[in-house]
Amino acid sequence: MTADTAEQLRAELEAVFTNADYPVEEPMELVPALPDGPSTTFEAGDVRVGVMDFGAEYAEYQEYPYETAEALIDDLMTGFREEGLFD
């Protein structure tokens, strides 16, 4: 992983999730903020992760409710790193 790839992915997440209405009690409340709904995919460098993977692959790293986009994104980034997305 390069720090640049992680930063790019974080920037993409921020661009989308800062538009959600907080607090967010559960993942489905984020769908209106997603540009392609459940088909939304985030890409940075050769890293690609679909929003549906958030629940399937990275759910254990998320602790709803979220009061801010930053808290949600921090947890997602932790999950991505822990599960080797950037390896």
C-alpha atoms as a PDB file:
ATOM      1  CA  MET A   1       0.000   0.000   0.000  1.00  0.00           C
ATOM      2  CA  THR A   2       1.111   3.447  -0.673  1.00  0.00           C
ATOM      3  CA  ALA A   3       0.017   6.244   1.603  1.00  0.00           C
ATOM      4  CA  ASP A   4      -1.176   7.987  -1.558  1.00  0.00           C
ATOM      5  CA  THR A   5      -3.612   5.162  -2.385  1.00  0.00           C
ATOM      6  CA  ALA A   6      -5.054   5.207   1.125  1.00  0.00           C
ATOM      7  CA  GLU A   7      -5.361   8.995   1.016  1.00  0.00           C
ATOM      8  CA  GLN A   8      -7.121   8.854  -2.362  1.00  0.00           C
ATOM      9  CA  LEU A   9      -9.575   6.254  -1.115  1.00  0.00           C
ATOM     10  CA  ARG A  10     -10.237   8.273   2.034  1.00  0.00           C
ATOM     11  CA  ALA A  11     -10.886  11.373  -0.088  1.00  0.00           C
ATOM     12  CA  GLU A  12     -13.429   9.449  -2.192  1.00  0.00           C
ATOM     13  CA  LEU A  13     -15.188   8.212   0.941  1.00  0.00           C
ATOM     14  CA  GLU A  14     -15.248  11.741   2.366  1.00  0.00           C
ATOM     15  CA  ALA A  15     -16.691  13.177  -0.852  1.00  0.00           C
ATOM     16  CA  VAL A  16     -19.629  10.785  -0.601  1.00  0.00           C
ATOM     17  CA  PHE A  17     -20.260  10.256   3.094  1.00  0.00           C
ATOM     18  CA  THR A  18     -20.029  13.883   4.171  1.00  0.00           C
ATOM     19  CA  ASN A  19     -23.290  14.347   2.232  1.00  0.00           C
ATOM     20  CA  ALA A  20     -25.187  11.850   4.399  1.00  0.00           C
ATOM     21  CA  ASP A  21     -27.531  13.015   7.143  1.00  0.00           C
ATOM     22  CA  TYR A  22     -26.008  12.329  10.561  1.00  0.00           C
ATOM     23  CA  PRO A  23     -26.449  10.717  12.957  1.00  0.00           C
ATOM     24  CA  VAL A  24     -26.663   7.464  10.997  1.00  0.00           C
ATOM     25  CA  GLU A  25     -28.250   4.620  12.939  1.00  0.00           C
ATOM     26  CA  GLU A  26     -27.696   1.846  10.388  1.00  0.00           C
ATOM     27  CA  PRO A  27     -26.022   1.286   6.998  1.00  0.00           C
ATOM     28  CA  MET A  28     -29.175   1.614   4.881  1.00  0.00           C
ATOM     29  CA  GLU A  29     -29.431   5.268   5.924  1.00  0.00           C
ATOM     30  CA  LEU A  30     -26.293   5.923   3.848  1.00  0.00           C
ATOM     31  CA  VAL A  31     -27.828   4.745   0.550  1.00  0.00           C
ATOM     32  CA  PRO A  32     -29.270   8.159  -0.428  1.00  0.00           C
ATOM     33  CA  ALA A  33     -25.753   9.655  -0.262  1.00  0.00           C
ATOM     34  CA  LEU A  34     -24.291   7.035  -2.629  1.00  0.00           C
ATOM     35  CA  PRO A  35     -23.960   8.248  -6.239  1.00  0.00           C
ATOM     36  CA  ASP A  36     -24.798   4.819  -7.689  1.00  0.00           C
ATOM     37  CA  GLY A  37     -26.785   3.491  -4.744  1.00  0.00           C
ATOM     38  CA  PRO A  38     -25.777  -0.015  -3.695  1.00  0.00           C
ATOM     39  CA  SER A  39     -23.723  -0.345  -6.909  1.00  0.00           C
ATOM     40  CA  THR A  40     -21.305   2.391  -5.823  1.00  0.00           C
ATOM     41  CA  THR A  41     -17.637   1.424  -6.028  1.00  0.00           C
ATOM     42  CA  PHE A  42     -14.733   3.354  -4.573  1.00  0.00           C
ATOM     43  CA  GLU A  43     -11.401   3.210  -6.426  1.00  0.00           C
ATOM     44  CA  ALA A  44      -7.890   4.451  -5.745  1.00  0.00           C
ATOM     45  CA  GLY A  45      -4.866   3.211  -7.645  1.00  0.00           C
ATOM     46  CA  ASP A  46      -5.415  -0.509  -8.110  1.00  0.00           C
ATOM     47  CA  VAL A  47      -7.621  -0.744  -5.013  1.00  0.00           C
ATOM     48  CA  ARG A  48     -11.309  -1.179  -5.675  1.00  0.00           C
ATOM     49  CA  VAL A  49     -14.013  -1.769  -3.087  1.00  0.00           C
ATOM     50  CA  GLY A  50     -17.749  -1.862  -3.598  1.00  0.00           C
ATOM     51  CA  VAL A  51     -20.073  -0.394  -1.004  1.00  0.00           C
ATOM     52  CA  MET A  52     -21.788  -3.784  -0.675  1.00  0.00           C
ATOM     53  CA  ASP A  53     -18.456  -5.138   0.594  1.00  0.00           C
ATOM     54  CA  PHE A  54     -18.674  -2.762   3.545  1.00  0.00           C
ATOM     55  CA  GLY A  55     -21.303  -5.008   5.121  1.00  0.00           C
ATOM     56  CA  ALA A  56     -19.956  -8.308   3.847  1.00  0.00           C
ATOM     57  CA  GLU A  57     -16.212  -7.902   4.404  1.00  0.00           C
ATOM     58  CA  TYR A  58     -15.789  -5.026   6.854  1.00  0.00           C
ATOM     59  CA  ALA A  59     -18.904  -5.072   9.069  1.00  0.00           C
ATOM     60  CA  GLU A  60     -16.989  -6.064  12.200  1.00  0.00           C
ATOM     61  CA  TYR A  61     -15.075  -2.782  12.038  1.00  0.00           C
ATOM     62  CA  GLN A  62     -18.185  -0.620  11.994  1.00  0.00           C
ATOM     63  CA  GLU A  63     -19.992   0.449  15.137  1.00  0.00           C
ATOM     64  CA  TYR A  64     -23.290   2.179  14.430  1.00  0.00           C
ATOM     65  CA  PRO A  65     -24.628   4.720  15.174  1.00  0.00           C
ATOM     66  CA  TYR A  66     -22.242   7.267  13.671  1.00  0.00           C
ATOM     67  CA  GLU A  67     -22.423  10.924  14.583  1.00  0.00           C
ATOM     68  CA  THR A  68     -19.995  12.064  11.857  1.00  0.00           C
ATOM     69  CA  ALA A  69     -18.650  11.013   8.477  1.00  0.00           C
ATOM     70  CA  GLU A  70     -15.134  11.119   9.905  1.00  0.00           C
ATOM     71  CA  ALA A  71     -15.919   8.457  12.510  1.00  0.00           C
ATOM     72  CA  LEU A  72     -17.470   6.179   9.887  1.00  0.00           C
ATOM     73  CA  ILE A  73     -14.574   6.656   7.479  1.00  0.00           C
ATOM     74  CA  ASP A  74     -11.997   6.065  10.224  1.00  0.00           C
ATOM     75  CA  ASP A  75     -13.613   2.692  10.983  1.00  0.00           C
ATOM     76  CA  LEU A  76     -13.829   1.748   7.308  1.00  0.00           C
ATOM     77  CA  MET A  77     -10.168   2.631   6.739  1.00  0.00           C
ATOM     78  CA  THR A  78      -9.182   0.550   9.770  1.00  0.00           C
ATOM     79  CA  GLY A  79     -11.105  -2.396   8.353  1.00  0.00           C
ATOM     80  CA  PHE A  80      -9.529  -1.989   4.939  1.00  0.00           C
ATOM     81  CA  ARG A  81      -6.049  -2.011   6.446  1.00  0.00           C
ATOM     82  CA  GLU A  82      -6.734  -4.908   8.813  1.00  0.00           C
ATOM     83  CA  GLU A  83      -8.206  -7.053   6.050  1.00  0.00           C
ATOM     84  CA  GLY A  84      -5.280  -6.388   3.698  1.00  0.00           C
ATOM     85  CA  LEU A  85      -7.054  -4.282   1.094  1.00  0.00           C
ATOM     86  CA  PHE A  86      -3.898  -2.244   0.579  1.00  0.00           C
ATOM     87  CA  ASP A  87      -1.462  -5.198   0.487  1.00  0.00           C
END
